[in-house]
């Protein structure tokens, strides 16, 4: 009896919802449905006979291969949708693809149809592995899609356009993850330069980037040349040579541990950079050393910098041969200092005379490291207002936290806040007793979180 009453209430509530939605115009209803994955939009429109075919008029498809028996059922569904919507544009198309048997010709034909329907937002995520013959090649028409605004591709292949024109005049964001270029890396450069209004570019690479019939090769060069680009993110373990020429770039993030060369011809004058790179250079070679100098000079105008321990290692090595440039615009710095680079800390901070905010991640100091002998950088006297000392919770039994806290509290004249994490009660008491050079400095100690026993 109670279950019957509950079902009656649910049906009544659903009926009232349908009545309210029925008062909406077709345009508004279509917009609501277009924001749903296609399976949900079909389910939604089936709530009322009046809406039953509304999903066919929605200018969007959001499909997952697992919702179909096989890839041919998927292709038939796409065909039905394209035939039923009266030739209208497909503004948004997303496909997560994981076919048991991949038919490249049939797949490419459907994507080509979508591209030619004025698609604005295109996402193809391929879950097939190359070992299973899962090289999913994009149609050549994609290179000249005049309506495309957002492009996301994962684990697909770009074929060589050869004589085909490359032009994506409206593309603003492009995300390429594990994308292979068929036979040559020169495809990437014209692809990027053809995007006249491109603002955001993300490239995430994996080994075996090329597809030339099965050979395992690597990119020889990644050249990013754009007059409009504002954000560029690269994650790679395969690049030999990276070149960047983007005078309006506001954000640059690079993670690459096998980089032979990193050349920045231009970026925005007040950009934010996040660097985790390891350059394979010989510092004893003056020509290779000059490449590092050119790289450091190219980023010397940035406003914010996040820099890894790996990157600091090769910068420290360079500083033994040549003076570092001044990073006069840097107001915020996040840096990871390994145990071997502590003596480099004052020198590096000395290159940031206008630094206001510092987040420092560190491992440990040896028992013999004495920071009292470190010189005091200019920013300690005139600009540094915030310092956060971050340490792994596993760091115990060393005076590192106390030594660093003493160094900053005693020497920073305008410091407003010092945050120290992961301290024991004993260290906290000692930090609180340190004489402050800046009377208004607030010291915040974050205690380590206790691990719950299982």
Protein backbone atom coordinates (compact mmCIF):
# COMPACT_ATOMS: atom_id res chain seq x y z
CA UNK A 1 0.00 0.00 0.00
CA UNK A 2 2.80 2.37 0.91
CA UNK A 3 4.64 1.53 -2.33
CA UNK A 4 1.51 2.25 -4.38
CA UNK A 5 1.12 5.61 -2.66
CA UNK A 6 4.77 6.45 -3.37
CA UNK A 7 4.45 5.53 -7.05
CA UNK A 8 1.34 7.71 -7.32
CA UNK A 9 3.20 10.67 -5.83
CA UNK A 10 6.16 10.19 -8.19
CA UNK A 11 3.88 10.01 -11.24
CA UNK A 12 2.07 13.15 -10.09
CA UNK A 13 5.35 14.99 -9.59
CA UNK A 14 6.62 13.87 -13.00
CA UNK A 15 3.35 14.98 -14.62
CA UNK A 16 3.63 18.45 -13.07
CA UNK A 17 7.22 18.73 -14.32
CA UNK A 18 6.17 17.78 -17.84
CA UNK A 19 3.36 20.33 -17.71
CA UNK A 20 5.79 23.09 -16.75
CA UNK A 21 8.29 22.10 -19.43
CA UNK A 22 5.50 21.98 -22.01
CA UNK A 23 5.07 25.73 -21.58
CA UNK A 24 8.61 26.30 -22.83
CA UNK A 25 9.19 27.24 -26.44
CA UNK A 26 10.74 24.69 -28.80
CA UNK A 27 13.93 26.77 -28.98
CA UNK A 28 14.37 26.79 -25.20
CA UNK A 29 13.57 23.09 -24.94
CA UNK A 30 16.04 22.34 -27.72
CA UNK A 31 18.75 24.28 -25.90
CA UNK A 32 18.12 22.32 -22.69
CA UNK A 33 18.24 18.98 -24.49
CA UNK A 34 21.39 19.93 -26.42
CA UNK A 35 23.35 20.20 -23.16
CA UNK A 36 22.67 16.54 -22.33
CA UNK A 37 24.51 13.45 -23.57
CA UNK A 38 22.51 12.05 -26.49
CA UNK A 39 21.33 8.97 -24.55
CA UNK A 40 19.93 11.28 -21.85
CA UNK A 41 18.33 13.64 -24.35
CA UNK A 42 16.51 10.68 -25.94
CA UNK A 43 15.37 9.53 -22.50
CA UNK A 44 14.27 13.06 -21.62
CA UNK A 45 12.27 13.67 -24.79
CA UNK A 46 10.56 10.27 -24.47
CA UNK A 47 8.81 11.56 -21.34
CA UNK A 48 6.18 13.13 -23.55
CA UNK A 49 4.74 12.13 -26.94
CA UNK A 50 4.87 15.81 -27.85
CA UNK A 51 8.67 15.83 -27.53
CA UNK A 52 9.43 12.33 -28.77
CA UNK A 53 11.39 13.43 -31.85
CA UNK A 54 12.84 16.64 -30.41
CA UNK A 55 16.26 15.03 -29.93
CA UNK A 56 16.56 14.73 -33.71
CA UNK A 57 16.38 18.50 -34.06
CA UNK A 58 19.07 19.13 -31.46
CA UNK A 59 22.28 20.47 -33.12
CA UNK A 60 24.50 18.20 -31.00
CA UNK A 61 25.55 14.58 -30.63
CA UNK A 62 27.31 13.23 -27.53
CA UNK A 63 27.95 9.52 -28.02
CA UNK A 64 29.77 6.70 -26.25
CA UNK A 65 30.54 3.53 -28.18
CA UNK A 66 29.52 1.31 -25.26
CA UNK A 67 25.90 2.37 -25.70
CA UNK A 68 25.79 0.53 -29.05
CA UNK A 69 26.06 -3.14 -29.92
CA UNK A 70 28.90 -2.60 -32.39
CA UNK A 71 30.41 0.15 -34.50
CA UNK A 72 27.95 -0.40 -37.36
CA UNK A 73 25.03 0.20 -35.03
CA UNK A 74 26.83 3.40 -34.01
CA UNK A 75 27.31 4.43 -37.65
CA UNK A 76 23.65 3.74 -38.44
CA UNK A 77 22.62 5.91 -35.50
CA UNK A 78 24.78 8.79 -36.74
CA UNK A 79 23.35 8.38 -40.25
CA UNK A 80 19.79 8.45 -38.92
CA UNK A 81 20.47 11.61 -36.96
CA UNK A 82 22.09 13.43 -39.89
CA UNK A 83 19.31 12.38 -42.27
CA UNK A 84 16.52 13.33 -39.86
CA UNK A 85 17.60 16.83 -38.93
CA UNK A 86 16.96 18.24 -42.37
CA UNK A 87 20.54 19.13 -43.22
CA UNK A 88 20.88 21.49 -40.27
CA UNK A 89 24.30 22.18 -38.77
CA UNK A 90 25.72 19.92 -36.08
CA UNK A 91 27.22 22.47 -33.72
CA UNK A 92 28.68 20.04 -31.20
CA UNK A 93 29.87 16.46 -31.75
CA UNK A 94 31.54 14.27 -29.13
CA UNK A 95 32.43 10.62 -29.58
CA UNK A 96 34.17 8.23 -27.20
CA UNK A 97 35.22 5.42 -29.52
CA UNK A 98 36.17 1.86 -28.54
CA UNK A 99 35.16 -0.48 -31.32
CA UNK A 100 36.00 -4.18 -31.29
CA UNK A 101 36.69 -4.09 -35.03
CA UNK A 102 37.63 -0.71 -36.46
CA UNK A 103 36.45 0.09 -40.00
CA UNK A 104 38.52 3.14 -40.93
CA UNK A 105 36.65 3.93 -44.14
CA UNK A 106 33.23 3.90 -42.45
CA UNK A 107 34.52 5.83 -39.44
CA UNK A 108 36.21 8.49 -41.55
CA UNK A 109 33.10 8.90 -43.69
CA UNK A 110 30.91 9.74 -40.63
CA UNK A 111 33.40 12.21 -39.19
CA UNK A 112 33.71 13.82 -42.61
CA UNK A 113 29.90 14.22 -42.73
CA UNK A 114 29.93 15.88 -39.30
CA UNK A 115 32.77 18.23 -40.25
CA UNK A 116 30.88 19.33 -43.35
CA UNK A 117 27.76 20.06 -41.27
CA UNK A 118 29.33 23.19 -39.78
CA UNK A 119 30.60 21.63 -36.56
CA UNK A 120 31.87 24.16 -33.99
CA UNK A 121 32.89 21.90 -31.10
CA UNK A 122 34.46 18.55 -32.03
CA UNK A 123 35.73 15.94 -29.55
CA UNK A 124 37.04 12.51 -30.57
CA UNK A 125 38.45 10.28 -27.83
CA UNK A 126 39.78 6.95 -29.08
CA UNK A 127 40.26 4.11 -26.59
CA UNK A 128 41.59 1.61 -29.12
CA UNK A 129 45.26 0.76 -28.70
CA UNK A 130 47.66 0.73 -31.63
CA UNK A 131 48.40 -2.94 -30.85
CA UNK A 132 44.79 -3.70 -31.75
CA UNK A 133 45.06 -1.89 -35.08
CA UNK A 134 43.36 1.11 -33.55
CA UNK A 135 44.87 3.86 -35.67
CA UNK A 136 41.85 6.10 -36.08
CA UNK A 137 42.65 8.56 -38.86
CA UNK A 138 40.90 11.91 -39.12
CA UNK A 139 39.43 12.96 -42.49
CA UNK A 140 41.39 15.49 -44.52
CA UNK A 141 38.34 17.78 -44.48
CA UNK A 142 39.15 18.53 -40.84
CA UNK A 143 42.16 20.58 -42.00
CA UNK A 144 39.89 23.09 -43.70
CA UNK A 145 36.84 23.26 -41.42
CA UNK A 146 35.82 26.92 -41.52
CA UNK A 147 33.37 26.67 -38.60
CA UNK A 148 35.44 24.78 -36.02
CA UNK A 149 35.97 26.69 -32.75
CA UNK A 150 36.97 23.99 -30.22
CA UNK A 151 38.88 20.81 -31.10
CA UNK A 152 39.76 17.98 -28.71
CA UNK A 153 41.44 14.85 -30.06
CA UNK A 154 42.81 11.88 -28.13
CA UNK A 155 44.75 8.94 -29.60
CA UNK A 156 43.96 9.63 -33.24
CA UNK A 157 46.07 10.11 -36.36
CA UNK A 158 46.47 13.22 -38.48
CA UNK A 159 47.20 12.18 -42.05
CA UNK A 160 49.54 14.18 -44.25
CA UNK A 161 47.41 16.83 -46.02
CA UNK A 162 49.91 16.91 -48.92
CA UNK A 163 48.30 19.20 -51.49
CA UNK A 164 45.22 19.89 -49.37
CA UNK A 165 44.94 23.39 -47.95
CA UNK A 166 45.25 23.81 -44.18
CA UNK A 167 42.96 26.50 -42.79
CA UNK A 168 41.09 26.64 -39.48
CA UNK A 169 40.16 30.33 -39.36
CA UNK A 170 37.77 30.16 -36.36
CA UNK A 171 39.57 27.66 -34.12
CA UNK A 172 40.19 29.09 -30.61
CA UNK A 173 41.06 26.04 -28.49
CA UNK A 174 42.91 22.88 -29.53
CA UNK A 175 43.72 19.94 -27.25
CA UNK A 176 45.84 17.17 -28.78
CA UNK A 177 46.59 14.18 -26.57
CA UNK A 178 48.53 11.17 -27.84
CA UNK A 179 47.86 12.39 -31.38
CA UNK A 180 50.05 10.88 -34.07
CA UNK A 181 51.15 12.62 -37.22
CA UNK A 182 51.46 10.36 -40.22
CA UNK A 183 55.08 10.24 -41.31
CA UNK A 184 56.45 13.72 -40.56
CA UNK A 185 56.42 16.33 -37.84
CA UNK A 186 56.15 19.26 -40.26
CA UNK A 187 52.37 18.81 -40.17
CA UNK A 188 52.12 20.44 -36.74
CA UNK A 189 53.63 23.78 -37.75
CA UNK A 190 51.20 24.62 -40.60
CA UNK A 191 48.33 23.23 -38.53
CA UNK A 192 49.00 25.74 -35.74
CA UNK A 193 49.87 28.67 -38.00
CA UNK A 194 46.64 28.14 -39.96
CA UNK A 195 44.61 28.88 -36.81
CA UNK A 196 44.51 32.67 -37.04
CA UNK A 197 42.54 33.17 -33.81
CA UNK A 198 43.90 30.25 -31.76
CA UNK A 199 44.08 31.18 -28.06
CA UNK A 200 44.58 27.91 -26.15
CA UNK A 201 46.77 25.00 -27.22
CA UNK A 202 47.49 21.82 -25.26
CA UNK A 203 49.77 19.07 -26.55
CA UNK A 204 50.26 15.90 -24.52
CA UNK A 205 52.47 13.37 -26.24
CA UNK A 206 53.42 9.75 -25.72
CA UNK A 207 56.13 7.51 -27.11
CA UNK A 208 55.63 6.26 -30.68
CA UNK A 209 54.13 9.58 -31.76
CA UNK A 210 54.50 8.90 -35.45
CA UNK A 211 52.47 6.46 -37.39
CA UNK A 212 54.13 5.39 -40.62
CA UNK A 213 52.98 1.83 -40.86
CA UNK A 214 54.28 0.68 -37.53
CA UNK A 215 57.72 2.22 -37.07
CA UNK A 216 58.41 3.76 -33.70
CA UNK A 217 59.84 7.24 -34.12
CA UNK A 218 59.84 10.48 -32.19
CA UNK A 219 59.14 14.06 -33.05
CA UNK A 220 62.30 15.79 -34.18
CA UNK A 221 60.86 19.25 -33.59
CA UNK A 222 57.76 20.89 -32.12
CA UNK A 223 57.37 24.36 -33.54
CA UNK A 224 54.61 26.53 -32.09
CA UNK A 225 54.31 29.73 -34.07
CA UNK A 226 51.20 31.85 -33.48
CA UNK A 227 50.41 35.56 -33.33
CA UNK A 228 47.18 34.99 -31.38
CA UNK A 229 48.06 32.23 -28.89
CA UNK A 230 47.50 33.12 -25.21
CA UNK A 231 47.96 29.76 -23.47
CA UNK A 232 50.26 26.85 -24.38
CA UNK A 233 50.69 23.65 -22.38
CA UNK A 234 53.08 20.89 -23.40
CA UNK A 235 53.58 17.55 -21.63
CA UNK A 236 56.06 15.29 -23.35
CA UNK A 237 58.82 12.75 -22.97
CA UNK A 238 59.73 12.54 -26.64
CA UNK A 239 60.61 15.95 -28.05
CA UNK A 240 64.13 16.61 -29.24
CA UNK A 241 63.63 20.28 -30.09
CA UNK A 242 60.97 22.76 -28.96
CA UNK A 243 60.56 26.18 -30.54
CA UNK A 244 58.03 28.79 -29.43
CA UNK A 245 57.22 32.04 -31.18
CA UNK A 246 54.05 33.48 -29.62
CA UNK A 247 54.35 37.18 -28.75
CA UNK A 248 50.92 37.32 -27.06
CA UNK A 249 51.39 34.24 -24.89
CA UNK A 250 50.12 34.81 -21.34
CA UNK A 251 50.59 31.29 -19.93
CA UNK A 252 53.28 28.75 -20.76
CA UNK A 253 53.55 25.31 -19.15
CA UNK A 254 56.18 22.80 -20.27
CA UNK A 255 56.97 19.39 -18.82
CA UNK A 256 59.61 17.59 -20.84
CA UNK A 257 62.44 15.44 -19.49
CA UNK A 258 64.18 14.58 -22.79
CA UNK A 259 64.46 17.98 -24.38
CA UNK A 260 67.52 18.52 -26.56
CA UNK A 261 66.75 22.18 -27.17
CA UNK A 262 64.19 24.72 -25.95
CA UNK A 263 64.10 27.94 -27.93
CA UNK A 264 61.71 30.75 -27.08
CA UNK A 265 61.74 33.39 -29.79
CA UNK A 266 58.99 35.40 -28.13
CA UNK A 267 56.27 35.24 -25.47
CA UNK A 268 54.10 37.88 -23.81
CA UNK A 269 56.10 40.37 -21.72
CA UNK A 270 54.21 39.61 -18.48
CA UNK A 271 53.43 35.94 -18.95
CA UNK A 272 53.09 33.21 -16.32
CA UNK A 273 55.40 30.22 -16.84
CA UNK A 274 55.37 26.73 -15.32
CA UNK A 275 58.60 24.91 -16.14
CA UNK A 276 59.51 21.30 -15.44
CA UNK A 277 62.15 20.59 -18.06
CA UNK A 278 65.44 18.79 -18.28
CA UNK A 279 67.66 20.01 -21.09
CA UNK A 280 70.19 17.54 -22.43
CA UNK A 281 73.02 20.04 -22.90
CA UNK A 282 76.74 20.05 -22.23
CA UNK A 283 77.52 23.07 -20.05
CA UNK A 284 81.19 22.83 -20.98
CA UNK A 285 80.23 23.58 -24.58
CA UNK A 286 79.95 27.40 -25.03
CA UNK A 287 77.47 27.09 -27.92
CA UNK A 288 75.11 24.83 -25.96
CA UNK A 289 75.55 27.01 -22.89
CA UNK A 290 74.53 30.07 -24.90
CA UNK A 291 71.23 28.33 -25.76
CA UNK A 292 70.40 28.20 -22.05
CA UNK A 293 71.31 31.87 -21.73
CA UNK A 294 68.98 32.74 -24.61
CA UNK A 295 66.20 30.70 -23.01
CA UNK A 296 66.61 32.42 -19.62
CA UNK A 297 66.69 35.86 -21.25
CA UNK A 298 63.50 35.02 -23.16
CA UNK A 299 61.60 34.33 -19.92
CA UNK A 300 63.23 37.13 -17.92
CA UNK A 301 60.21 39.43 -18.38
CA UNK A 302 57.59 37.05 -16.93
CA UNK A 303 55.42 38.08 -13.98
CA UNK A 304 54.82 34.67 -12.35
CA UNK A 305 57.06 31.62 -12.34
CA UNK A 306 56.62 28.01 -11.20
CA UNK A 307 59.85 26.09 -11.49
CA UNK A 308 60.73 22.46 -10.72
CA UNK A 309 63.78 21.00 -9.02
CA UNK A 310 64.95 19.55 -12.36
CA UNK A 311 64.87 22.95 -14.00
CA UNK A 312 66.64 24.61 -11.09
CA UNK A 313 69.39 22.01 -11.33
CA UNK A 314 70.40 22.95 -14.86
CA UNK A 315 69.98 26.69 -14.13
CA UNK A 316 72.30 26.28 -11.15
CA UNK A 317 74.79 24.49 -13.39
CA UNK A 318 74.61 27.30 -15.92
CA UNK A 319 75.16 29.93 -13.20
CA UNK A 320 78.58 28.42 -12.46
CA UNK A 321 79.70 29.53 -15.93
CA UNK A 322 77.60 32.61 -16.70
CA UNK A 323 75.68 35.26 -14.70
CA UNK A 324 71.92 34.83 -14.55
CA UNK A 325 69.62 37.50 -16.01
CA UNK A 326 67.48 39.67 -13.75
CA UNK A 327 63.83 38.60 -13.45
CA UNK A 328 62.73 42.11 -12.53
CA UNK A 329 59.02 41.59 -13.26
CA UNK A 330 58.61 38.40 -11.22
CA UNK A 331 56.26 39.11 -8.32
CA UNK A 332 55.24 35.50 -7.55
CA UNK A 333 57.58 32.51 -7.50
CA UNK A 334 56.93 28.84 -6.69
CA UNK A 335 60.10 26.77 -6.62
CA UNK A 336 61.17 23.26 -5.62
CA UNK A 337 64.65 23.08 -4.15
CA UNK A 338 66.31 19.68 -3.82
CA UNK A 339 68.95 19.08 -1.18
CA UNK A 340 71.79 19.73 -3.61
CA UNK A 341 70.76 23.28 -4.55
CA UNK A 342 70.29 25.06 -1.20
CA UNK A 343 73.36 27.23 -1.61
CA UNK A 344 71.78 28.46 -4.85
CA UNK A 345 68.64 29.80 -3.10
CA UNK A 346 69.94 33.30 -2.21
CA UNK A 347 71.54 33.73 -5.64
CA UNK A 348 68.36 32.81 -7.46
CA UNK A 349 66.18 35.01 -5.24
CA UNK A 350 68.70 37.77 -5.82
CA UNK A 351 67.70 37.70 -9.50
CA UNK A 352 64.10 38.56 -8.47
CA UNK A 353 64.52 42.04 -6.90
CA UNK A 354 60.77 42.80 -6.89
CA UNK A 355 59.49 39.46 -5.61
CA UNK A 356 56.39 39.79 -3.41
CA UNK A 357 55.20 36.21 -2.93
CA UNK A 358 57.29 33.04 -2.55
CA UNK A 359 56.14 29.42 -2.20
CA UNK A 360 59.09 27.17 -1.46
CA UNK A 361 58.96 23.37 -1.62
CA UNK A 362 61.97 21.56 -0.23
CA UNK A 363 63.36 18.28 0.90
CA UNK A 364 66.00 18.73 3.57
CA UNK A 365 69.18 20.53 4.51
CA UNK A 366 72.19 18.60 5.62
CA UNK A 367 73.27 19.05 9.21
CA UNK A 368 76.26 21.09 8.05
CA UNK A 369 74.26 23.63 5.99
CA UNK A 370 74.24 26.94 7.84
CA UNK A 371 71.89 29.56 6.42
CA UNK A 372 73.37 32.26 8.65
CA UNK A 373 76.16 32.57 6.12
CA UNK A 374 73.73 33.10 3.22
CA UNK A 375 73.61 36.64 1.89
CA UNK A 376 70.34 38.57 1.99
CA UNK A 377 68.71 39.17 -1.43
CA UNK A 378 67.36 42.61 -2.36
CA UNK A 379 63.73 41.42 -2.32
CA UNK A 380 64.06 40.59 1.40
CA UNK A 381 64.68 44.26 2.09
CA UNK A 382 62.16 45.94 -0.18
CA UNK A 383 59.34 43.74 -1.50
CA UNK A 384 58.87 40.19 -0.15
CA UNK A 385 55.55 40.13 1.76
CA UNK A 386 54.45 36.48 1.74
CA UNK A 387 56.41 33.24 2.16
CA UNK A 388 55.09 29.69 2.37
CA UNK A 389 57.44 26.86 3.28
CA UNK A 390 56.04 23.53 2.09
CA UNK A 391 57.62 20.28 3.10
CA UNK A 392 56.73 16.59 2.75
CA UNK A 393 55.01 15.14 5.82
CA UNK A 394 57.70 12.43 5.83
CA UNK A 395 60.48 14.96 6.55
CA UNK A 396 61.36 14.41 10.19
CA UNK A 397 64.34 14.68 12.46
CA UNK A 398 66.04 17.55 10.62
CA UNK A 399 66.37 21.25 11.50
CA UNK A 400 65.39 22.30 7.98
CA UNK A 401 62.08 23.95 8.88
CA UNK A 402 63.64 25.89 11.73
CA UNK A 403 66.65 27.00 9.68
CA UNK A 404 64.47 28.28 6.86
CA UNK A 405 62.04 30.02 9.20
CA UNK A 406 64.95 31.78 10.94
CA UNK A 407 66.40 32.84 7.59
CA UNK A 408 63.18 34.51 6.43
CA UNK A 409 61.89 35.91 9.74
CA UNK A 410 65.20 37.51 10.69
CA UNK A 411 65.99 38.99 7.27
CA UNK A 412 62.70 40.00 5.56
CA UNK A 413 62.01 43.65 6.39
CA UNK A 414 58.48 43.93 4.95
CA UNK A 415 57.22 40.37 5.45
CA UNK A 416 53.51 40.23 6.31
CA UNK A 417 52.92 36.48 6.56
CA UNK A 418 55.04 33.35 6.85
CA UNK A 419 53.31 29.97 6.51
CA UNK A 420 55.18 26.87 7.64
CA UNK A 421 53.68 23.41 7.13
CA UNK A 422 54.17 20.07 8.83
CA UNK A 423 55.87 21.18 12.06
CA UNK A 424 56.09 19.38 15.37
CA UNK A 425 55.14 21.16 18.60
CA UNK A 426 58.81 21.54 19.48
CA UNK A 427 59.62 23.30 16.18
CA UNK A 428 56.51 25.49 16.53
CA UNK A 429 57.65 26.78 19.93
CA UNK A 430 61.10 27.60 18.56
CA UNK A 431 59.69 29.40 15.51
CA UNK A 432 57.42 31.53 17.70
CA UNK A 433 60.48 32.75 19.65
CA UNK A 434 62.43 33.93 16.59
CA UNK A 435 62.97 37.74 16.64
CA UNK A 436 61.14 39.32 13.68
CA UNK A 437 62.75 41.94 11.48
CA UNK A 438 59.26 42.88 10.27
CA UNK A 439 57.21 43.67 13.43
CA UNK A 440 53.86 43.12 11.71
CA UNK A 441 54.74 39.67 10.38
CA UNK A 442 52.17 36.94 11.09
CA UNK A 443 53.55 33.43 11.46
CA UNK A 444 51.08 30.67 10.60
CA UNK A 445 52.08 27.11 11.41
CA UNK A 446 50.10 24.31 9.79
CA UNK A 447 50.35 21.11 11.78
CA UNK A 448 50.66 17.79 9.92
CA UNK A 449 47.41 15.91 9.48
CA UNK A 450 47.11 12.82 11.62
CA UNK A 451 46.74 9.57 9.71
CA UNK A 452 43.66 7.63 10.69
CA UNK A 453 44.33 4.09 11.78
CA UNK A 454 42.55 1.43 9.81
